[in-house]
Amino acid sequence: MAEIKKKRMATTSLAGCFGCHMSLLDIDERLIDLLQYVEFDRSPLNDLKVFTHRCDIGFVEGGCCNEENVHTLREFRKNCDVLVAVGQCAIMGGLPVMRNAIMHSDDPLKECLEEAYIDSPYTRNETQGIPSDPVLPLLLDKVYACYEVVKIDYQIPGCPPSGDVLFQTLTALILGKPEDLPGELIRYD
């Protein structure tokens, strides 16, 4: 990479499996080279839980299934110049969106919780209760993709996208040339 000003980057995981962050680690030794051009702010990679500065780039994996996810995503949009939805969960809800298929009643959230905690043949719940502790984030009526909550600038498909795809995308964003990404790199047929 040419001589450029160091970019500030933040990452987070919402309702997903953390696989996209694992792919970020799959950049392997190139991550060390990347650190010459990127400084991580709020991220599980450095265990910072709040923004310390405004960020140039934000990577978000996972969709929104509870109020905490929505709050985190809105904070990312507010604090990042460019926001990238990484992976299928962020782009379309991924596996968590399967909850949205339970729409057979007037209260699909209740039906989903009853299936998970009471009616499932694989659940042992002798109290027949559904967790309702006030410290638990409020579940949303359905799972939302990130673009349904905030403006997303770029999307990187995959479940998860490879380390190569993340490295090339980051490189293009750092250089300010996202249009240089080859279509075959981010197209999944």
N, C-alpha and C. Protein backbone atom coordinates (compact mmCIF):
# COMPACT_ATOMS: atom_id res chain seq x y z
N MET A 1 0.85 -1.19 0.00
CA MET A 1 0.00 0.00 0.00
C MET A 1 0.89 1.24 0.00
N ALA A 2 0.40 2.29 -0.61
CA ALA A 2 1.13 3.55 -0.67
C ALA A 2 1.07 4.26 0.69
N GLU A 3 1.85 5.33 0.82
CA GLU A 3 1.86 6.13 2.05
C GLU A 3 0.51 6.82 2.21
N ILE A 4 -0.22 6.46 3.27
CA ILE A 4 -1.53 7.05 3.52
C ILE A 4 -1.71 7.29 5.01
N LYS A 5 -2.66 8.16 5.32
CA LYS A 5 -2.99 8.45 6.71
C LYS A 5 -3.69 7.23 7.33
N LYS A 6 -3.33 6.93 8.56
CA LYS A 6 -3.92 5.78 9.26
C LYS A 6 -5.42 6.00 9.45
N LYS A 7 -6.21 4.99 9.13
CA LYS A 7 -7.67 5.04 9.30
C LYS A 7 -8.04 4.45 10.65
N ARG A 8 -9.13 4.92 11.17
CA ARG A 8 -9.67 4.40 12.43
C ARG A 8 -10.84 3.49 12.08
N MET A 9 -10.87 2.31 12.70
CA MET A 9 -11.88 1.31 12.36
C MET A 9 -12.51 0.74 13.63
N ALA A 10 -13.80 0.45 13.54
CA ALA A 10 -14.52 -0.20 14.64
C ALA A 10 -15.24 -1.42 14.08
N THR A 11 -15.43 -2.44 14.93
CA THR A 11 -16.17 -3.64 14.52
C THR A 11 -17.10 -4.04 15.65
N THR A 12 -18.19 -4.70 15.28
CA THR A 12 -19.10 -5.23 16.30
C THR A 12 -19.83 -6.44 15.75
N SER A 13 -20.33 -7.23 16.67
CA SER A 13 -21.13 -8.40 16.32
C SER A 13 -22.50 -8.25 16.98
N LEU A 14 -23.56 -8.35 16.19
CA LEU A 14 -24.92 -8.25 16.72
C LEU A 14 -25.48 -9.66 16.84
N ALA A 15 -26.66 -9.94 16.29
CA ALA A 15 -27.24 -11.28 16.36
C ALA A 15 -26.64 -12.13 15.26
N GLY A 16 -25.63 -12.87 15.59
CA GLY A 16 -24.93 -13.72 14.64
C GLY A 16 -24.02 -14.66 15.40
N CYS A 17 -23.06 -15.23 14.70
CA CYS A 17 -22.23 -16.28 15.30
C CYS A 17 -20.79 -15.87 15.56
N PHE A 18 -20.40 -14.66 15.19
CA PHE A 18 -19.04 -14.15 15.34
C PHE A 18 -18.11 -14.70 14.27
N GLY A 19 -18.65 -15.41 13.28
CA GLY A 19 -17.84 -15.98 12.22
C GLY A 19 -17.14 -14.94 11.36
N CYS A 20 -17.76 -13.79 11.16
CA CYS A 20 -17.15 -12.75 10.33
C CYS A 20 -15.92 -12.17 11.03
N HIS A 21 -15.96 -12.06 12.35
CA HIS A 21 -14.77 -11.62 13.09
C HIS A 21 -13.68 -12.69 12.99
N MET A 22 -14.07 -13.94 12.99
CA MET A 22 -13.07 -15.01 12.83
C MET A 22 -12.42 -14.90 11.45
N SER A 23 -13.20 -14.54 10.43
CA SER A 23 -12.63 -14.34 9.09
C SER A 23 -11.68 -13.15 9.08
N LEU A 24 -11.98 -12.13 9.86
CA LEU A 24 -11.06 -10.99 9.97
C LEU A 24 -9.71 -11.47 10.52
N LEU A 25 -9.75 -12.39 11.48
CA LEU A 25 -8.51 -12.97 11.99
C LEU A 25 -7.84 -13.86 10.95
N ASP A 26 -8.64 -14.40 10.01
CA ASP A 26 -8.09 -15.25 8.96
C ASP A 26 -7.27 -14.47 7.93
N ILE A 27 -7.20 -13.17 8.11
CA ILE A 27 -6.31 -12.37 7.26
C ILE A 27 -4.86 -12.79 7.56
N ASP A 28 -4.68 -13.42 8.72
CA ASP A 28 -3.40 -13.96 9.15
C ASP A 28 -2.33 -12.87 9.25
N GLU A 29 -1.14 -13.16 8.72
CA GLU A 29 -0.03 -12.22 8.90
C GLU A 29 -0.26 -10.89 8.20
N ARG A 30 -1.18 -10.85 7.25
CA ARG A 30 -1.50 -9.58 6.61
C ARG A 30 -2.15 -8.61 7.59
N LEU A 31 -2.71 -9.14 8.69
CA LEU A 31 -3.28 -8.28 9.73
C LEU A 31 -2.20 -7.38 10.33
N ILE A 32 -1.00 -7.88 10.47
CA ILE A 32 0.11 -7.07 10.98
C ILE A 32 0.42 -5.95 10.00
N ASP A 33 0.45 -6.27 8.71
CA ASP A 33 0.67 -5.23 7.69
C ASP A 33 -0.45 -4.21 7.72
N LEU A 34 -1.68 -4.71 7.88
CA LEU A 34 -2.85 -3.84 7.91
C LEU A 34 -2.80 -2.85 9.07
N LEU A 35 -2.22 -3.26 10.19
CA LEU A 35 -2.16 -2.39 11.36
C LEU A 35 -1.27 -1.16 11.13
N GLN A 36 -0.50 -1.14 10.06
CA GLN A 36 0.24 0.07 9.69
C GLN A 36 -0.70 1.14 9.15
N TYR A 37 -1.87 0.70 8.70
CA TYR A 37 -2.81 1.61 8.04
C TYR A 37 -4.13 1.78 8.79
N VAL A 38 -4.36 0.91 9.77
CA VAL A 38 -5.63 0.92 10.50
C VAL A 38 -5.36 0.87 12.00
N GLU A 39 -6.11 1.67 12.72
CA GLU A 39 -6.10 1.60 14.18
C GLU A 39 -7.51 1.21 14.62
N PHE A 40 -7.61 0.13 15.38
CA PHE A 40 -8.92 -0.32 15.82
C PHE A 40 -9.40 0.50 17.00
N ASP A 41 -10.64 0.92 16.93
CA ASP A 41 -11.28 1.62 18.04
C ASP A 41 -12.18 0.59 18.71
N ARG A 42 -13.45 0.88 18.87
CA ARG A 42 -14.39 -0.02 19.54
C ARG A 42 -14.46 -1.34 18.78
N SER A 43 -14.04 -2.43 19.43
CA SER A 43 -14.02 -3.72 18.76
C SER A 43 -13.77 -4.84 19.76
N PRO A 44 -14.36 -6.01 19.53
CA PRO A 44 -14.00 -7.15 20.36
C PRO A 44 -12.55 -7.58 20.15
N LEU A 45 -11.94 -7.13 19.05
CA LEU A 45 -10.55 -7.50 18.78
C LEU A 45 -9.59 -6.86 19.78
N ASN A 46 -9.98 -5.69 20.32
CA ASN A 46 -9.14 -5.04 21.32
C ASN A 46 -9.87 -4.85 22.65
N ASP A 47 -11.09 -5.36 22.73
CA ASP A 47 -11.92 -5.33 23.92
C ASP A 47 -12.37 -3.92 24.32
N LEU A 48 -12.34 -2.96 23.39
CA LEU A 48 -12.91 -1.65 23.68
C LEU A 48 -14.41 -1.72 23.44
N LYS A 49 -15.18 -1.32 24.42
CA LYS A 49 -16.64 -1.47 24.35
C LYS A 49 -17.38 -0.18 23.98
N VAL A 50 -16.65 0.93 23.97
CA VAL A 50 -17.25 2.22 23.59
C VAL A 50 -16.32 2.91 22.60
N PHE A 51 -16.87 3.81 21.82
CA PHE A 51 -16.07 4.58 20.88
C PHE A 51 -15.18 5.55 21.65
N THR A 52 -13.92 5.65 21.25
CA THR A 52 -13.02 6.64 21.85
C THR A 52 -12.85 7.84 20.92
N HIS A 53 -13.06 7.63 19.61
CA HIS A 53 -12.97 8.67 18.59
C HIS A 53 -13.94 8.33 17.47
N ARG A 54 -14.15 9.29 16.59
CA ARG A 54 -14.92 9.03 15.38
C ARG A 54 -14.11 8.07 14.51
N CYS A 55 -14.78 7.17 13.81
CA CYS A 55 -14.10 6.17 12.99
C CYS A 55 -14.36 6.39 11.51
N ASP A 56 -13.37 6.05 10.73
CA ASP A 56 -13.51 6.13 9.28
C ASP A 56 -14.36 4.97 8.74
N ILE A 57 -14.14 3.78 9.31
CA ILE A 57 -14.78 2.56 8.80
C ILE A 57 -15.38 1.77 9.96
N GLY A 58 -16.60 1.30 9.79
CA GLY A 58 -17.22 0.41 10.77
C GLY A 58 -17.66 -0.87 10.08
N PHE A 59 -17.27 -2.00 10.64
CA PHE A 59 -17.72 -3.31 10.16
C PHE A 59 -18.73 -3.84 11.16
N VAL A 60 -19.91 -4.22 10.67
CA VAL A 60 -20.97 -4.75 11.52
C VAL A 60 -21.35 -6.13 11.01
N GLU A 61 -21.29 -7.12 11.89
CA GLU A 61 -21.79 -8.45 11.54
C GLU A 61 -23.01 -8.74 12.41
N GLY A 62 -23.94 -9.52 11.88
CA GLY A 62 -25.14 -9.88 12.62
C GLY A 62 -26.29 -8.94 12.33
N GLY A 63 -27.49 -9.42 12.55
CA GLY A 63 -28.69 -8.62 12.37
C GLY A 63 -29.16 -8.08 13.71
N CYS A 64 -30.35 -7.51 13.71
CA CYS A 64 -30.92 -6.91 14.92
C CYS A 64 -32.11 -7.73 15.39
N CYS A 65 -31.98 -8.35 16.56
CA CYS A 65 -33.10 -9.13 17.11
C CYS A 65 -33.56 -8.58 18.46
N ASN A 66 -32.82 -7.61 19.02
CA ASN A 66 -33.24 -7.03 20.30
C ASN A 66 -32.85 -5.56 20.35
N GLU A 67 -33.34 -4.88 21.37
CA GLU A 67 -33.13 -3.43 21.47
C GLU A 67 -31.65 -3.07 21.61
N GLU A 68 -30.88 -3.93 22.23
CA GLU A 68 -29.43 -3.67 22.38
C GLU A 68 -28.75 -3.68 21.02
N ASN A 69 -29.14 -4.62 20.14
CA ASN A 69 -28.59 -4.66 18.78
C ASN A 69 -28.89 -3.36 18.03
N VAL A 70 -30.12 -2.88 18.14
CA VAL A 70 -30.52 -1.65 17.46
C VAL A 70 -29.72 -0.47 17.99
N HIS A 71 -29.58 -0.37 19.30
CA HIS A 71 -28.81 0.72 19.92
C HIS A 71 -27.36 0.69 19.43
N THR A 72 -26.75 -0.50 19.44
CA THR A 72 -25.36 -0.64 19.00
C THR A 72 -25.22 -0.24 17.54
N LEU A 73 -26.12 -0.71 16.69
CA LEU A 73 -26.05 -0.39 15.27
C LEU A 73 -26.21 1.11 15.03
N ARG A 74 -27.13 1.74 15.72
CA ARG A 74 -27.31 3.20 15.57
C ARG A 74 -26.08 3.97 16.06
N GLU A 75 -25.43 3.49 17.12
CA GLU A 75 -24.19 4.11 17.59
C GLU A 75 -23.09 3.98 16.54
N PHE A 76 -23.03 2.84 15.89
CA PHE A 76 -22.04 2.65 14.83
C PHE A 76 -22.31 3.60 13.68
N ARG A 77 -23.56 3.73 13.27
CA ARG A 77 -23.88 4.64 12.17
C ARG A 77 -23.51 6.07 12.54
N LYS A 78 -23.76 6.44 13.76
CA LYS A 78 -23.49 7.80 14.23
C LYS A 78 -21.98 8.07 14.32
N ASN A 79 -21.18 7.05 14.59
CA ASN A 79 -19.75 7.24 14.85
C ASN A 79 -18.82 6.77 13.74
N CYS A 80 -19.37 6.28 12.63
CA CYS A 80 -18.53 5.77 11.53
C CYS A 80 -18.89 6.49 10.22
N ASP A 81 -17.87 6.95 9.52
CA ASP A 81 -18.11 7.61 8.23
C ASP A 81 -18.64 6.63 7.20
N VAL A 82 -18.07 5.44 7.16
CA VAL A 82 -18.47 4.39 6.23
C VAL A 82 -18.89 3.19 7.07
N LEU A 83 -20.09 2.68 6.81
CA LEU A 83 -20.59 1.53 7.55
C LEU A 83 -20.77 0.35 6.59
N VAL A 84 -20.14 -0.78 6.95
CA VAL A 84 -20.14 -1.97 6.09
C VAL A 84 -20.87 -3.10 6.80
N ALA A 85 -21.89 -3.65 6.17
CA ALA A 85 -22.58 -4.84 6.67
C ALA A 85 -21.79 -6.04 6.18
N VAL A 86 -21.29 -6.85 7.12
CA VAL A 86 -20.42 -7.97 6.78
C VAL A 86 -21.15 -9.29 7.04
N GLY A 87 -21.31 -10.09 6.00
CA GLY A 87 -21.91 -11.41 6.14
C GLY A 87 -23.42 -11.41 5.99
N GLN A 88 -23.95 -12.62 5.80
CA GLN A 88 -25.38 -12.78 5.52
C GLN A 88 -26.28 -12.33 6.68
N CYS A 89 -25.86 -12.50 7.91
CA CYS A 89 -26.71 -12.08 9.03
C CYS A 89 -26.93 -10.57 9.01
N ALA A 90 -25.87 -9.81 8.72
CA ALA A 90 -26.00 -8.35 8.65
C ALA A 90 -26.78 -7.91 7.42
N ILE A 91 -26.59 -8.64 6.32
CA ILE A 91 -27.21 -8.24 5.05
C ILE A 91 -28.69 -8.62 4.98
N MET A 92 -29.03 -9.84 5.45
CA MET A 92 -30.42 -10.28 5.30
C MET A 92 -30.99 -10.95 6.55
N GLY A 93 -30.23 -10.97 7.63
CA GLY A 93 -30.72 -11.58 8.87
C GLY A 93 -30.14 -12.95 9.14
N GLY A 94 -29.63 -13.63 8.11
CA GLY A 94 -29.00 -14.94 8.27
C GLY A 94 -29.88 -15.94 8.99
N LEU A 95 -29.27 -16.83 9.74
CA LEU A 95 -30.03 -17.85 10.46
C LEU A 95 -30.99 -17.26 11.50
N PRO A 96 -30.61 -16.20 12.23
CA PRO A 96 -31.56 -15.66 13.21
C PRO A 96 -32.90 -15.23 12.60
N VAL A 97 -32.90 -14.88 11.30
CA VAL A 97 -34.14 -14.42 10.66
C VAL A 97 -35.16 -15.54 10.52
N MET A 98 -34.73 -16.78 10.74
CA MET A 98 -35.69 -17.89 10.68
C MET A 98 -36.81 -17.70 11.69
N ARG A 99 -36.52 -16.95 12.75
CA ARG A 99 -37.56 -16.64 13.74
C ARG A 99 -38.73 -15.91 13.09
N ASN A 100 -38.45 -15.13 12.04
CA ASN A 100 -39.51 -14.36 11.38
C ASN A 100 -40.56 -15.24 10.71
N ALA A 101 -40.23 -16.50 10.47
CA ALA A 101 -41.16 -17.41 9.81
C ALA A 101 -42.32 -17.81 10.73
N ILE A 102 -42.16 -17.58 12.02
CA ILE A 102 -43.24 -17.93 12.96
C ILE A 102 -44.23 -16.76 13.00
N MET A 103 -45.16 -16.80 12.10
CA MET A 103 -46.14 -15.72 11.97
C MET A 103 -47.55 -16.28 11.95
N HIS A 104 -47.78 -17.34 12.71
CA HIS A 104 -49.07 -18.02 12.65
C HIS A 104 -50.08 -17.47 13.64
N SER A 105 -49.67 -16.56 14.49
CA SER A 105 -50.60 -16.07 15.50
C SER A 105 -50.57 -14.54 15.54
N ASP A 106 -51.40 -13.98 16.40
CA ASP A 106 -51.41 -12.53 16.57
C ASP A 106 -50.17 -12.05 17.33
N ASP A 107 -49.49 -12.96 18.02
CA ASP A 107 -48.31 -12.62 18.80
C ASP A 107 -47.17 -13.57 18.45
N PRO A 108 -46.51 -13.33 17.28
CA PRO A 108 -45.48 -14.27 16.83
C PRO A 108 -44.27 -14.33 17.77
N LEU A 109 -43.96 -13.26 18.46
CA LEU A 109 -42.84 -13.29 19.40
C LEU A 109 -43.14 -14.24 20.56
N LYS A 110 -44.36 -14.17 21.08
CA LYS A 110 -44.76 -15.08 22.15
C LYS A 110 -44.71 -16.52 21.67
N GLU A 111 -45.21 -16.75 20.45
CA GLU A 111 -45.20 -18.09 19.88
C GLU A 111 -43.76 -18.61 19.74
N CYS A 112 -42.86 -17.75 19.30
CA CYS A 112 -41.45 -18.13 19.14
C CYS A 112 -40.83 -18.48 20.49
N LEU A 113 -41.08 -17.66 21.50
CA LEU A 113 -40.52 -17.90 22.84
C LEU A 113 -41.10 -19.18 23.45
N GLU A 114 -42.38 -19.41 23.26
CA GLU A 114 -42.98 -20.64 23.78
C GLU A 114 -42.37 -21.87 23.11
N GLU A 115 -42.13 -21.77 21.81
CA GLU A 115 -41.51 -22.89 21.10
C GLU A 115 -40.10 -23.13 21.63
N ALA A 116 -39.36 -22.07 21.87
CA ALA A 116 -37.97 -22.20 22.32
C ALA A 116 -37.85 -22.66 23.76
N TYR A 117 -38.72 -22.17 24.65
CA TYR A 117 -38.55 -22.42 26.08
C TYR A 117 -39.54 -23.41 26.70
N ILE A 118 -40.66 -23.68 26.02
CA ILE A 118 -41.69 -24.52 26.64
C ILE A 118 -42.04 -25.73 25.77
N ASP A 119 -42.38 -25.51 24.50
CA ASP A 119 -42.94 -26.56 23.66
C ASP A 119 -41.92 -27.46 22.95
N SER A 120 -40.69 -27.06 22.87
CA SER A 120 -39.69 -27.85 22.15
C SER A 120 -39.45 -29.18 22.85
N PRO A 121 -39.39 -30.26 22.09
CA PRO A 121 -39.14 -31.57 22.71
C PRO A 121 -37.71 -31.66 23.28
N TYR A 122 -36.85 -30.72 22.95
CA TYR A 122 -35.47 -30.74 23.40
C TYR A 122 -35.20 -29.82 24.59
N THR A 123 -36.24 -29.18 25.10
CA THR A 123 -36.09 -28.23 26.20
C THR A 123 -36.58 -28.84 27.50
N ARG A 124 -35.75 -28.71 28.53
CA ARG A 124 -36.17 -29.13 29.88
C ARG A 124 -36.40 -27.85 30.67
N ASN A 125 -37.64 -27.52 30.88
CA ASN A 125 -38.02 -26.30 31.58
C ASN A 125 -39.15 -26.66 32.54
N GLU A 126 -38.78 -27.08 33.73
CA GLU A 126 -39.77 -27.57 34.68
C GLU A 126 -40.69 -26.47 35.20
N THR A 127 -40.25 -25.22 35.15
CA THR A 127 -41.11 -24.12 35.63
C THR A 127 -42.08 -23.66 34.54
N GLN A 128 -41.82 -24.09 33.28
CA GLN A 128 -42.63 -23.68 32.14
C GLN A 128 -42.65 -22.15 31.99
N GLY A 129 -41.57 -21.50 32.43
CA GLY A 129 -41.48 -20.04 32.33
C GLY A 129 -40.61 -19.62 31.16
N ILE A 130 -40.84 -18.41 30.72
CA ILE A 130 -40.04 -17.78 29.67
C ILE A 130 -39.18 -16.73 30.36
N PRO A 131 -37.86 -16.70 30.09
CA PRO A 131 -37.00 -15.71 30.76
C PRO A 131 -37.55 -14.30 30.59
N SER A 132 -37.61 -13.57 31.70
CA SER A 132 -38.17 -12.22 31.63
C SER A 132 -37.44 -11.27 32.57
N ASP A 133 -36.20 -11.57 32.89
CA ASP A 133 -35.41 -10.71 33.77
C ASP A 133 -35.25 -9.34 33.12
N PRO A 134 -35.42 -8.26 33.88
CA PRO A 134 -35.31 -6.92 33.30
C PRO A 134 -33.93 -6.59 32.72
N VAL A 135 -32.89 -7.33 33.09
CA VAL A 135 -31.57 -7.06 32.52
C VAL A 135 -31.42 -7.64 31.12
N LEU A 136 -32.32 -8.53 30.71
CA LEU A 136 -32.26 -9.08 29.36
C LEU A 136 -32.76 -8.02 28.36
N PRO A 137 -32.07 -7.88 27.21
CA PRO A 137 -32.54 -6.91 26.22
C PRO A 137 -33.93 -7.29 25.71
N LEU A 138 -34.73 -6.29 25.47
CA LEU A 138 -36.07 -6.49 24.93
C LEU A 138 -35.98 -7.04 23.51
N LEU A 139 -36.64 -8.19 23.28
CA LEU A 139 -36.65 -8.77 21.93
C LEU A 139 -37.55 -7.94 21.02
N LEU A 140 -37.15 -7.81 19.77
CA LEU A 140 -37.95 -7.11 18.78
C LEU A 140 -39.02 -8.05 18.24
N ASP A 141 -40.00 -7.49 17.54
CA ASP A 141 -41.08 -8.30 16.97
C ASP A 141 -40.57 -9.28 15.94
N LYS A 142 -39.43 -8.99 15.31
CA LYS A 142 -38.80 -9.88 14.34
C LYS A 142 -37.32 -9.51 14.26
N VAL A 143 -36.57 -10.27 13.49
CA VAL A 143 -35.16 -9.97 13.26
C VAL A 143 -35.07 -9.08 12.03
N TYR A 144 -34.27 -8.02 12.14
CA TYR A 144 -34.11 -7.06 11.05
C TYR A 144 -32.69 -7.09 10.51
N ALA A 145 -32.56 -6.99 9.18
CA ALA A 145 -31.24 -6.80 8.57
C ALA A 145 -30.77 -5.39 8.90
N CYS A 146 -29.49 -5.17 8.87
CA CYS A 146 -28.94 -3.86 9.26
C CYS A 146 -29.48 -2.70 8.42
N TYR A 147 -29.64 -2.92 7.10
CA TYR A 147 -30.12 -1.84 6.24
C TYR A 147 -31.55 -1.41 6.60
N GLU A 148 -32.29 -2.26 7.31
CA GLU A 148 -33.65 -1.90 7.71
C GLU A 148 -33.66 -0.97 8.92
N VAL A 149 -32.50 -0.81 9.55
CA VAL A 149 -32.40 0.02 10.76
C VAL A 149 -31.62 1.30 10.50
N VAL A 150 -30.52 1.22 9.75
CA VAL A 150 -29.68 2.38 9.44
C VAL A 150 -29.22 2.32 7.99
N LYS A 151 -28.64 3.41 7.51
CA LYS A 151 -28.05 3.43 6.17
C LYS A 151 -26.75 2.63 6.19
N ILE A 152 -26.63 1.71 5.26
CA ILE A 152 -25.43 0.90 5.10
C ILE A 152 -24.76 1.33 3.80
N ASP A 153 -23.45 1.56 3.85
CA ASP A 153 -22.73 2.03 2.67
C ASP A 153 -22.27 0.89 1.76
N TYR A 154 -21.83 -0.21 2.34
CA TYR A 154 -21.36 -1.36 1.55
C TYR A 154 -21.80 -2.64 2.24
N GLN A 155 -21.93 -3.70 1.42
CA GLN A 155 -22.28 -5.01 1.94
C GLN A 155 -21.26 -6.02 1.43
N ILE A 156 -20.78 -6.87 2.34
CA ILE A 156 -19.86 -7.94 1.95
C ILE A 156 -20.58 -9.26 2.20
N PRO A 157 -21.02 -9.94 1.13
CA PRO A 157 -21.76 -11.19 1.31
C PRO A 157 -20.85 -12.34 1.75
N GLY A 158 -21.48 -13.39 2.22
CA GLY A 158 -20.77 -14.60 2.61
C GLY A 158 -21.20 -15.05 3.99
N CYS A 159 -20.95 -16.30 4.28
CA CYS A 159 -21.32 -16.85 5.59
C CYS A 159 -20.23 -17.81 6.05
N PRO A 160 -19.19 -17.24 6.58
CA PRO A 160 -18.78 -15.83 6.54
C PRO A 160 -17.98 -15.54 5.27
N PRO A 161 -17.77 -14.25 4.97
CA PRO A 161 -16.87 -13.94 3.86
C PRO A 161 -15.45 -14.38 4.24
N SER A 162 -14.66 -14.68 3.25
CA SER A 162 -13.30 -15.17 3.54
C SER A 162 -12.41 -14.03 4.03
N GLY A 163 -11.31 -14.41 4.64
CA GLY A 163 -10.31 -13.44 5.06
C GLY A 163 -9.78 -12.65 3.88
N ASP A 164 -9.63 -13.32 2.73
CA ASP A 164 -9.16 -12.64 1.52
C ASP A 164 -10.13 -11.54 1.10
N VAL A 165 -11.42 -11.85 1.12
CA VAL A 165 -12.42 -10.85 0.75
C VAL A 165 -12.37 -9.67 1.72
N LEU A 166 -12.28 -9.94 3.01
CA LEU A 166 -12.23 -8.85 4.00
C LEU A 166 -10.96 -8.02 3.83
N PHE A 167 -9.84 -8.68 3.59
CA PHE A 167 -8.58 -7.96 3.41
C PHE A 167 -8.65 -7.05 2.18
N GLN A 168 -9.12 -7.59 1.06
CA GLN A 168 -9.19 -6.78 -0.16
C GLN A 168 -10.19 -5.64 -0.02
N THR A 169 -11.30 -5.90 0.68
CA THR A 169 -12.29 -4.84 0.90
C THR A 169 -11.71 -3.75 1.78
N LEU A 170 -11.08 -4.14 2.87
CA LEU A 170 -10.46 -3.16 3.76
C LEU A 170 -9.39 -2.34 3.04
N THR A 171 -8.58 -3.02 2.25
CA THR A 171 -7.53 -2.33 1.49
C THR A 171 -8.16 -1.29 0.56
N ALA A 172 -9.20 -1.66 -0.14
CA ALA A 172 -9.87 -0.72 -1.04
C ALA A 172 -10.46 0.46 -0.28
N LEU A 173 -11.06 0.20 0.88
CA LEU A 173 -11.64 1.29 1.68
C LEU A 173 -10.55 2.20 2.24
N ILE A 174 -9.46 1.62 2.69
CA ILE A 174 -8.35 2.41 3.24
C ILE A 174 -7.77 3.32 2.16
N LEU A 175 -7.64 2.79 0.97
CA LEU A 175 -7.10 3.58 -0.14
C LEU A 175 -8.13 4.53 -0.74
N GLY A 176 -9.38 4.43 -0.26
CA GLY A 176 -10.44 5.31 -0.79
C GLY A 176 -10.87 4.92 -2.18
N LYS A 177 -10.72 3.62 -2.54
CA LYS A 177 -11.06 3.16 -3.88
C LYS A 177 -11.92 1.90 -3.83
N PRO A 178 -13.09 1.97 -3.18
CA PRO A 178 -13.92 0.75 -3.12
C PRO A 178 -14.39 0.28 -4.49
N GLU A 179 -14.38 1.16 -5.47
CA GLU A 179 -14.81 0.75 -6.81
C GLU A 179 -13.79 -0.19 -7.46
N ASP A 180 -12.59 -0.28 -6.88
CA ASP A 180 -11.57 -1.18 -7.43
C ASP A 180 -11.80 -2.64 -7.05
N LEU A 181 -12.76 -2.92 -6.21
CA LEU A 181 -13.02 -4.31 -5.84
C LEU A 181 -13.56 -5.07 -7.04
N PRO A 182 -12.92 -6.16 -7.42
CA PRO A 182 -13.44 -6.94 -8.55
C PRO A 182 -14.76 -7.60 -8.20
N GLY A 183 -15.70 -7.58 -9.13
CA GLY A 183 -17.03 -8.15 -8.90
C GLY A 183 -16.99 -9.62 -8.51
N GLU A 184 -16.07 -10.38 -9.12
CA GLU A 184 -16.01 -11.80 -8.80
C GLU A 184 -15.56 -12.05 -7.36
N LEU A 185 -14.94 -11.08 -6.73
CA LEU A 185 -14.50 -11.23 -5.36
C LEU A 185 -15.70 -11.22 -4.39
N ILE A 186 -16.68 -10.39 -4.68
CA ILE A 186 -17.79 -10.24 -3.74
C ILE A 186 -19.12 -10.75 -4.28
N ARG A 187 -19.10 -11.43 -5.41
CA ARG A 187 -20.33 -12.00 -5.97
C ARG A 187 -20.39 -13.47 -5.62
N TYR A 188 -21.52 -13.91 -5.12
CA TYR A 188 -21.71 -15.31 -4.77
C TYR A 188 -22.85 -15.87 -5.60
N ASP A 189 -22.54 -16.83 -6.46
CA ASP A 189 -23.56 -17.45 -7.30
C ASP A 189 -24.00 -18.77 -6.73
